[in-house]
Amino acid sequence: MNTKYIIGGCVVAALLLMTPFIGCTRIEPGYTGIKVNLTGSQRGADDLPIVTGWVFYNRLTTQVHSFPTFTQNVIW
């Protein structure tokens, strides 16, 4: 067998095994996000907030929370 096929098959298998652990979320306009590390010596919220866009993270060790940064005024 050709070693290119063996290496390619191993890469594809590794990607398929990692897929359940990769999380992806989208932070909408008007919202901001905070990435929280659950393990390790750097536990807790990251120093920099996540701005609008796609966020990729490890589901086992990280959580992403989003909250609104806008206000709504109601006239009574």
PDB file of N, CA and C in Angstrom:
ATOM      1  N   MET A   1       0.830  -1.190   0.000  1.00  0.00           N
ATOM      2  CA  MET A   1       0.000   0.000   0.000  1.00  0.00           C
ATOM      3  C   MET A   1       0.866   1.242   0.000  1.00  0.00           C
ATOM      4  N   ASN A   2       0.296   2.275  -0.532  1.00  0.00           N
ATOM      5  CA  ASN A   2       0.992   3.542  -0.584  1.00  0.00           C
ATOM      6  C   ASN A   2       0.875   4.239   0.770  1.00  0.00           C
ATOM      7  N   THR A   3       1.982   4.802   1.250  1.00  0.00           N
ATOM      8  CA  THR A   3       1.967   5.450   2.566  1.00  0.00           C
ATOM      9  C   THR A   3       1.116   6.713   2.580  1.00  0.00           C
ATOM     10  N   LYS A   4       0.898   7.346   1.425  1.00  0.00           N
ATOM     11  CA  LYS A   4       0.026   8.528   1.381  1.00  0.00           C
ATOM     12  C   LYS A   4      -1.391   8.165   1.801  1.00  0.00           C
ATOM     13  N   TYR A   5      -1.883   7.025   1.364  1.00  0.00           N
ATOM     14  CA  TYR A   5      -3.238   6.598   1.716  1.00  0.00           C
ATOM     15  C   TYR A   5      -3.346   6.262   3.200  1.00  0.00           C
ATOM     16  N   ILE A   6      -2.307   5.666   3.751  1.00  0.00           N
ATOM     17  CA  ILE A   6      -2.313   5.324   5.173  1.00  0.00           C
ATOM     18  C   ILE A   6      -2.314   6.591   6.016  1.00  0.00           C
ATOM     19  N   ILE A   7      -1.452   7.545   5.673  1.00  0.00           N
ATOM     20  CA  ILE A   7      -1.392   8.807   6.413  1.00  0.00           C
ATOM     21  C   ILE A   7      -2.696   9.580   6.251  1.00  0.00           C
ATOM     22  N   GLY A   8      -3.222   9.633   5.052  1.00  0.00           N
ATOM     23  CA  GLY A   8      -4.498  10.317   4.813  1.00  0.00           C
ATOM     24  C   GLY A   8      -5.637   9.688   5.598  1.00  0.00           C
ATOM     25  N   GLY A   9      -5.666   8.378   5.652  1.00  0.00           N
ATOM     26  CA  GLY A   9      -6.694   7.685   6.425  1.00  0.00           C
ATOM     27  C   GLY A   9      -6.581   7.963   7.909  1.00  0.00           C
ATOM     28  N   CYS A  10      -5.348   8.054   8.412  1.00  0.00           N
ATOM     29  CA  CYS A  10      -5.147   8.363   9.829  1.00  0.00           C
ATOM     30  C   CYS A  10      -5.600   9.791  10.143  1.00  0.00           C
ATOM     31  N   VAL A  11      -5.322  10.725   9.239  1.00  0.00           N
ATOM     32  CA  VAL A  11      -5.749  12.113   9.439  1.00  0.00           C
ATOM     33  C   VAL A  11      -7.271  12.206   9.448  1.00  0.00           C
ATOM     34  N   VAL A  12      -7.917  11.539   8.522  1.00  0.00           N
ATOM     35  CA  VAL A  12      -9.385  11.555   8.462  1.00  0.00           C
ATOM     36  C   VAL A  12      -9.969  10.912   9.720  1.00  0.00           C
ATOM     37  N   ALA A  13      -9.406   9.816  10.166  1.00  0.00           N
ATOM     38  CA  ALA A  13      -9.892   9.157  11.383  1.00  0.00           C
ATOM     39  C   ALA A  13      -9.721  10.054  12.604  1.00  0.00           C
ATOM     40  N   ALA A  14      -8.583  10.742  12.696  1.00  0.00           N
ATOM     41  CA  ALA A  14      -8.352  11.647  13.827  1.00  0.00           C
ATOM     42  C   ALA A  14      -9.356  12.794  13.821  1.00  0.00           C
ATOM     43  N   LEU A  15      -9.647  13.348  12.655  1.00  0.00           N
ATOM     44  CA  LEU A  15     -10.622  14.438  12.569  1.00  0.00           C
ATOM     45  C   LEU A  15     -12.020  13.967  12.959  1.00  0.00           C
ATOM     46  N   LEU A  16     -12.388  12.772  12.538  1.00  0.00           N
ATOM     47  CA  LEU A  16     -13.701  12.239  12.891  1.00  0.00           C
ATOM     48  C   LEU A  16     -13.812  11.953  14.387  1.00  0.00           C
ATOM     49  N   LEU A  17     -12.736  11.543  15.018  1.00  0.00           N
ATOM     50  CA  LEU A  17     -12.756  11.286  16.453  1.00  0.00           C
ATOM     51  C   LEU A  17     -12.801  12.567  17.274  1.00  0.00           C
ATOM     52  N   MET A  18     -12.234  13.645  16.751  1.00  0.00           N
ATOM     53  CA  MET A  18     -12.209  14.923  17.473  1.00  0.00           C
ATOM     54  C   MET A  18     -13.498  15.718  17.303  1.00  0.00           C
ATOM     55  N   THR A  19     -14.297  15.428  16.298  1.00  0.00           N
ATOM     56  CA  THR A  19     -15.488  16.213  15.983  1.00  0.00           C
ATOM     57  C   THR A  19     -16.462  16.360  17.154  1.00  0.00           C
ATOM     58  N   PRO A  20     -16.760  15.331  17.942  1.00  0.00           N
ATOM     59  CA  PRO A  20     -17.721  15.520  19.041  1.00  0.00           C
ATOM     60  C   PRO A  20     -17.248  16.491  20.120  1.00  0.00           C
ATOM     61  N   PHE A  21     -15.955  16.755  20.208  1.00  0.00           N
ATOM     62  CA  PHE A  21     -15.430  17.616  21.257  1.00  0.00           C
ATOM     63  C   PHE A  21     -15.306  19.071  20.825  1.00  0.00           C
ATOM     64  N   ILE A  22     -15.477  19.346  19.545  1.00  0.00           N
ATOM     65  CA  ILE A  22     -15.335  20.708  19.044  1.00  0.00           C
ATOM     66  C   ILE A  22     -16.692  21.397  19.093  1.00  0.00           C
ATOM     67  N   GLY A  23     -16.741  22.522  19.784  1.00  0.00           N
ATOM     68  CA  GLY A  23     -17.971  23.293  19.867  1.00  0.00           C
ATOM     69  C   GLY A  23     -17.867  24.526  18.998  1.00  0.00           C
ATOM     70  N   CYS A  24     -18.994  24.967  18.514  1.00  0.00           N
ATOM     71  CA  CYS A  24     -19.033  26.155  17.676  1.00  0.00           C
ATOM     72  C   CYS A  24     -20.308  26.917  18.016  1.00  0.00           C
ATOM     73  N   THR A  25     -20.186  28.201  18.202  1.00  0.00           N
ATOM     74  CA  THR A  25     -21.344  29.035  18.455  1.00  0.00           C
ATOM     75  C   THR A  25     -21.143  30.376  17.763  1.00  0.00           C
ATOM     76  N   ARG A  26     -22.211  31.114  17.631  1.00  0.00           N
ATOM     77  CA  ARG A  26     -22.143  32.411  16.963  1.00  0.00           C
ATOM     78  C   ARG A  26     -22.623  33.481  17.931  1.00  0.00           C
ATOM     79  N   ILE A  27     -21.839  34.524  18.080  1.00  0.00           N
ATOM     80  CA  ILE A  27     -22.220  35.665  18.894  1.00  0.00           C
ATOM     81  C   ILE A  27     -22.868  36.686  17.959  1.00  0.00           C
ATOM     82  N   GLU A  28     -24.137  36.962  18.187  1.00  0.00           N
ATOM     83  CA  GLU A  28     -24.917  37.849  17.324  1.00  0.00           C
ATOM     84  C   GLU A  28     -24.539  39.316  17.550  1.00  0.00           C
ATOM     85  N   PRO A  29     -24.832  40.185  16.577  1.00  0.00           N
ATOM     86  CA  PRO A  29     -24.626  41.624  16.787  1.00  0.00           C
ATOM     87  C   PRO A  29     -25.496  42.119  17.947  1.00  0.00           C
ATOM     88  N   GLY A  30     -24.958  42.996  18.772  1.00  0.00           N
ATOM     89  CA  GLY A  30     -25.661  43.481  19.940  1.00  0.00           C
ATOM     90  C   GLY A  30     -25.421  42.641  21.175  1.00  0.00           C
ATOM     91  N   TYR A  31     -24.662  41.566  21.023  1.00  0.00           N
ATOM     92  CA  TYR A  31     -24.333  40.692  22.141  1.00  0.00           C
ATOM     93  C   TYR A  31     -22.821  40.613  22.271  1.00  0.00           C
ATOM     94  N   THR A  32     -22.363  40.226  23.434  1.00  0.00           N
ATOM     95  CA  THR A  32     -20.951  39.942  23.639  1.00  0.00           C
ATOM     96  C   THR A  32     -20.849  38.602  24.349  1.00  0.00           C
ATOM     97  N   GLY A  33     -19.710  37.991  24.270  1.00  0.00           N
ATOM     98  CA  GLY A  33     -19.551  36.670  24.859  1.00  0.00           C
ATOM     99  C   GLY A  33     -18.376  36.615  25.805  1.00  0.00           C
ATOM    100  N   ILE A  34     -18.431  35.644  26.697  1.00  0.00           N
ATOM    101  CA  ILE A  34     -17.334  35.383  27.621  1.00  0.00           C
ATOM    102  C   ILE A  34     -17.004  33.900  27.515  1.00  0.00           C
ATOM    103  N   LYS A  35     -15.729  33.613  27.341  1.00  0.00           N
ATOM    104  CA  LYS A  35     -15.256  32.227  27.296  1.00  0.00           C
ATOM    105  C   LYS A  35     -14.762  31.866  28.690  1.00  0.00           C
ATOM    106  N   VAL A  36     -15.281  30.791  29.254  1.00  0.00           N
ATOM    107  CA  VAL A  36     -14.942  30.364  30.604  1.00  0.00           C
ATOM    108  C   VAL A  36     -14.172  29.054  30.522  1.00  0.00           C
ATOM    109  N   ASN A  37     -12.945  29.057  31.035  1.00  0.00           N
ATOM    110  CA  ASN A  37     -12.123  27.848  31.090  1.00  0.00           C
ATOM    111  C   ASN A  37     -12.485  27.079  32.358  1.00  0.00           C
ATOM    112  N   LEU A  38     -12.801  25.794  32.215  1.00  0.00           N
ATOM    113  CA  LEU A  38     -13.256  24.984  33.340  1.00  0.00           C
ATOM    114  C   LEU A  38     -12.145  24.192  34.012  1.00  0.00           C
ATOM    115  N   THR A  39     -11.009  24.050  33.363  1.00  0.00           N
ATOM    116  CA  THR A  39      -9.930  23.229  33.911  1.00  0.00           C
ATOM    117  C   THR A  39      -8.604  23.958  33.807  1.00  0.00           C
ATOM    118  N   GLY A  40      -7.608  23.429  34.474  1.00  0.00           N
ATOM    119  CA  GLY A  40      -6.253  23.954  34.372  1.00  0.00           C
ATOM    120  C   GLY A  40      -5.974  25.087  35.339  1.00  0.00           C
ATOM    121  N   SER A  41      -4.775  25.619  35.259  1.00  0.00           N
ATOM    122  CA  SER A  41      -4.373  26.699  36.159  1.00  0.00           C
ATOM    123  C   SER A  41      -4.977  28.043  35.748  1.00  0.00           C
ATOM    124  N   GLN A  42      -5.477  28.150  34.529  1.00  0.00           N
ATOM    125  CA  GLN A  42      -6.085  29.389  34.041  1.00  0.00           C
ATOM    126  C   GLN A  42      -7.612  29.317  34.104  1.00  0.00           C
ATOM    127  N   ARG A  43      -8.162  28.642  35.127  1.00  0.00           N
ATOM    128  CA  ARG A  43      -9.617  28.518  35.262  1.00  0.00           C
ATOM    129  C   ARG A  43     -10.257  29.877  35.424  1.00  0.00           C
ATOM    130  N   GLY A  44     -11.485  29.977  34.944  1.00  0.00           N
ATOM    131  CA  GLY A  44     -12.252  31.207  35.080  1.00  0.00           C
ATOM    132  C   GLY A  44     -12.458  31.871  33.731  1.00  0.00           C
ATOM    133  N   ALA A  45     -13.021  33.064  33.777  1.00  0.00           N
ATOM    134  CA  ALA A  45     -13.324  33.804  32.555  1.00  0.00           C
ATOM    135  C   ALA A  45     -12.056  34.370  31.933  1.00  0.00           C
ATOM    136  N   ASP A  46     -12.016  34.399  30.602  1.00  0.00           N
ATOM    137  CA  ASP A  46     -10.901  35.014  29.896  1.00  0.00           C
ATOM    138  C   ASP A  46     -10.914  36.522  30.119  1.00  0.00           C
ATOM    139  N   ASP A  47      -9.763  37.138  29.974  1.00  0.00           N
ATOM    140  CA  ASP A  47      -9.648  38.580  30.182  1.00  0.00           C
ATOM    141  C   ASP A  47     -10.351  39.378  29.098  1.00  0.00           C
ATOM    142  N   LEU A  48     -10.302  38.898  27.866  1.00  0.00           N
ATOM    143  CA  LEU A  48     -10.888  39.633  26.750  1.00  0.00           C
ATOM    144  C   LEU A  48     -12.248  39.063  26.388  1.00  0.00           C
ATOM    145  N   PRO A  49     -13.257  39.924  26.221  1.00  0.00           N
ATOM    146  CA  PRO A  49     -14.565  39.416  25.799  1.00  0.00           C
ATOM    147  C   PRO A  49     -14.541  38.994  24.337  1.00  0.00           C
ATOM    148  N   ILE A  50     -15.474  38.140  23.969  1.00  0.00           N
ATOM    149  CA  ILE A  50     -15.611  37.681  22.588  1.00  0.00           C
ATOM    150  C   ILE A  50     -16.559  38.633  21.880  1.00  0.00           C
ATOM    151  N   VAL A  51     -16.144  39.144  20.746  1.00  0.00           N
ATOM    152  CA  VAL A  51     -16.987  40.051  19.986  1.00  0.00           C
ATOM    153  C   VAL A  51     -17.806  39.270  18.970  1.00  0.00           C
ATOM    154  N   THR A  52     -18.583  39.966  18.185  1.00  0.00           N
ATOM    155  CA  THR A  52     -19.485  39.367  17.220  1.00  0.00           C
ATOM    156  C   THR A  52     -18.752  38.420  16.269  1.00  0.00           C
ATOM    157  N   GLY A  53     -19.337  37.256  16.021  1.00  0.00           N
ATOM    158  CA  GLY A  53     -18.777  36.315  15.055  1.00  0.00           C
ATOM    159  C   GLY A  53     -18.817  34.888  15.567  1.00  0.00           C
ATOM    160  N   TRP A  54     -18.161  34.013  14.812  1.00  0.00           N
ATOM    161  CA  TRP A  54     -18.116  32.591  15.145  1.00  0.00           C
ATOM    162  C   TRP A  54     -17.036  32.334  16.186  1.00  0.00           C
ATOM    163  N   VAL A  55     -17.317  31.413  17.106  1.00  0.00           N
ATOM    164  CA  VAL A  55     -16.377  31.037  18.156  1.00  0.00           C
ATOM    165  C   VAL A  55     -16.260  29.518  18.160  1.00  0.00           C
ATOM    166  N   PHE A  56     -15.040  29.020  18.069  1.00  0.00           N
ATOM    167  CA  PHE A  56     -14.774  27.588  18.156  1.00  0.00           C
ATOM    168  C   PHE A  56     -14.095  27.320  19.490  1.00  0.00           C
ATOM    169  N   TYR A  57     -14.505  26.249  20.167  1.00  0.00           N
ATOM    170  CA  TYR A  57     -13.960  25.942  21.482  1.00  0.00           C
ATOM    171  C   TYR A  57     -14.062  24.449  21.756  1.00  0.00           C
ATOM    172  N   ASN A  58     -13.355  24.006  22.782  1.00  0.00           N
ATOM    173  CA  ASN A  58     -13.375  22.609  23.207  1.00  0.00           C
ATOM    174  C   ASN A  58     -14.518  22.445  24.202  1.00  0.00           C
ATOM    175  N   ARG A  59     -15.488  21.603  23.891  1.00  0.00           N
ATOM    176  CA  ARG A  59     -16.670  21.432  24.741  1.00  0.00           C
ATOM    177  C   ARG A  59     -16.355  20.847  26.111  1.00  0.00           C
ATOM    178  N   LEU A  60     -15.302  20.068  26.227  1.00  0.00           N
ATOM    179  CA  LEU A  60     -14.984  19.428  27.496  1.00  0.00           C
ATOM    180  C   LEU A  60     -14.377  20.399  28.501  1.00  0.00           C
ATOM    181  N   THR A  61     -13.617  21.375  28.047  1.00  0.00           N
ATOM    182  CA  THR A  61     -12.873  22.232  28.973  1.00  0.00           C
ATOM    183  C   THR A  61     -13.299  23.694  28.942  1.00  0.00           C
ATOM    184  N   THR A  62     -14.237  24.068  28.068  1.00  0.00           N
ATOM    185  CA  THR A  62     -14.586  25.472  27.907  1.00  0.00           C
ATOM    186  C   THR A  62     -16.080  25.632  27.700  1.00  0.00           C
ATOM    187  N   GLN A  63     -16.616  26.742  28.215  1.00  0.00           N
ATOM    188  CA  GLN A  63     -17.991  27.129  27.953  1.00  0.00           C
ATOM    189  C   GLN A  63     -17.996  28.547  27.404  1.00  0.00           C
ATOM    190  N   VAL A  64     -18.987  28.856  26.573  1.00  0.00           N
ATOM    191  CA  VAL A  64     -19.145  30.213  26.046  1.00  0.00           C
ATOM    192  C   VAL A  64     -20.531  30.705  26.440  1.00  0.00           C
ATOM    193  N   HIS A  65     -20.566  31.866  27.080  1.00  0.00           N
ATOM    194  CA  HIS A  65     -21.822  32.484  27.494  1.00  0.00           C
ATOM    195  C   HIS A  65     -21.964  33.810  26.754  1.00  0.00           C
ATOM    196  N   SER A  66     -23.153  34.080  26.230  1.00  0.00           N
ATOM    197  CA  SER A  66     -23.384  35.369  25.567  1.00  0.00           C
ATOM    198  C   SER A  66     -24.480  36.119  26.314  1.00  0.00           C
ATOM    199  N   PHE A  67     -24.378  37.449  26.296  1.00  0.00           N
ATOM    200  CA  PHE A  67     -25.375  38.279  26.945  1.00  0.00           C
ATOM    201  C   PHE A  67     -25.515  39.575  26.159  1.00  0.00           C
ATOM    202  N   PRO A  68     -26.701  40.221  26.243  1.00  0.00           N
ATOM    203  CA  PRO A  68     -26.940  41.417  25.441  1.00  0.00           C
ATOM    204  C   PRO A  68     -26.176  42.631  25.975  1.00  0.00           C
ATOM    205  N   THR A  69     -25.796  43.504  25.054  1.00  0.00           N
ATOM    206  CA  THR A  69     -25.126  44.754  25.439  1.00  0.00           C
ATOM    207  C   THR A  69     -25.949  45.958  25.022  1.00  0.00           C
ATOM    208  N   PHE A  70     -27.194  45.747  24.641  1.00  0.00           N
ATOM    209  CA  PHE A  70     -28.046  46.847  24.198  1.00  0.00           C
ATOM    210  C   PHE A  70     -29.117  47.116  25.243  1.00  0.00           C
ATOM    211  N   THR A  71     -29.714  48.287  25.147  1.00  0.00           N
ATOM    212  CA  THR A  71     -30.834  48.631  26.023  1.00  0.00           C
ATOM    213  C   THR A  71     -32.038  48.948  25.159  1.00  0.00           C
ATOM    214  N   GLN A  72     -33.205  48.718  25.713  1.00  0.00           N
ATOM    215  CA  GLN A  72     -34.443  49.046  25.032  1.00  0.00           C
ATOM    216  C   GLN A  72     -35.240  50.017  25.888  1.00  0.00           C
ATOM    217  N   ASN A  73     -35.678  51.110  25.291  1.00  0.00           N
ATOM    218  CA  ASN A  73     -36.464  52.097  26.005  1.00  0.00           C
ATOM    219  C   ASN A  73     -37.939  51.927  25.626  1.00  0.00           C
ATOM    220  N   VAL A  74     -38.788  51.913  26.624  1.00  0.00           N
ATOM    221  CA  VAL A  74     -40.215  51.792  26.407  1.00  0.00           C
ATOM    222  C   VAL A  74     -40.888  53.046  26.941  1.00  0.00           C
ATOM    223  N   ILE A  75     -41.714  53.679  26.121  1.00  0.00           N
ATOM    224  CA  ILE A  75     -42.440  54.862  26.535  1.00  0.00           C
ATOM    225  C   ILE A  75     -43.830  54.434  27.021  1.00  0.00           C
ATOM    226  N   TRP A  76     -44.143  54.779  28.271  1.00  0.00           N
ATOM    227  CA  TRP A  76     -45.430  54.403  28.852  1.00  0.00           C
ATOM    228  C   TRP A  76     -46.373  55.576  28.844  1.00  0.00           C
TER     229      TRP A  76
END
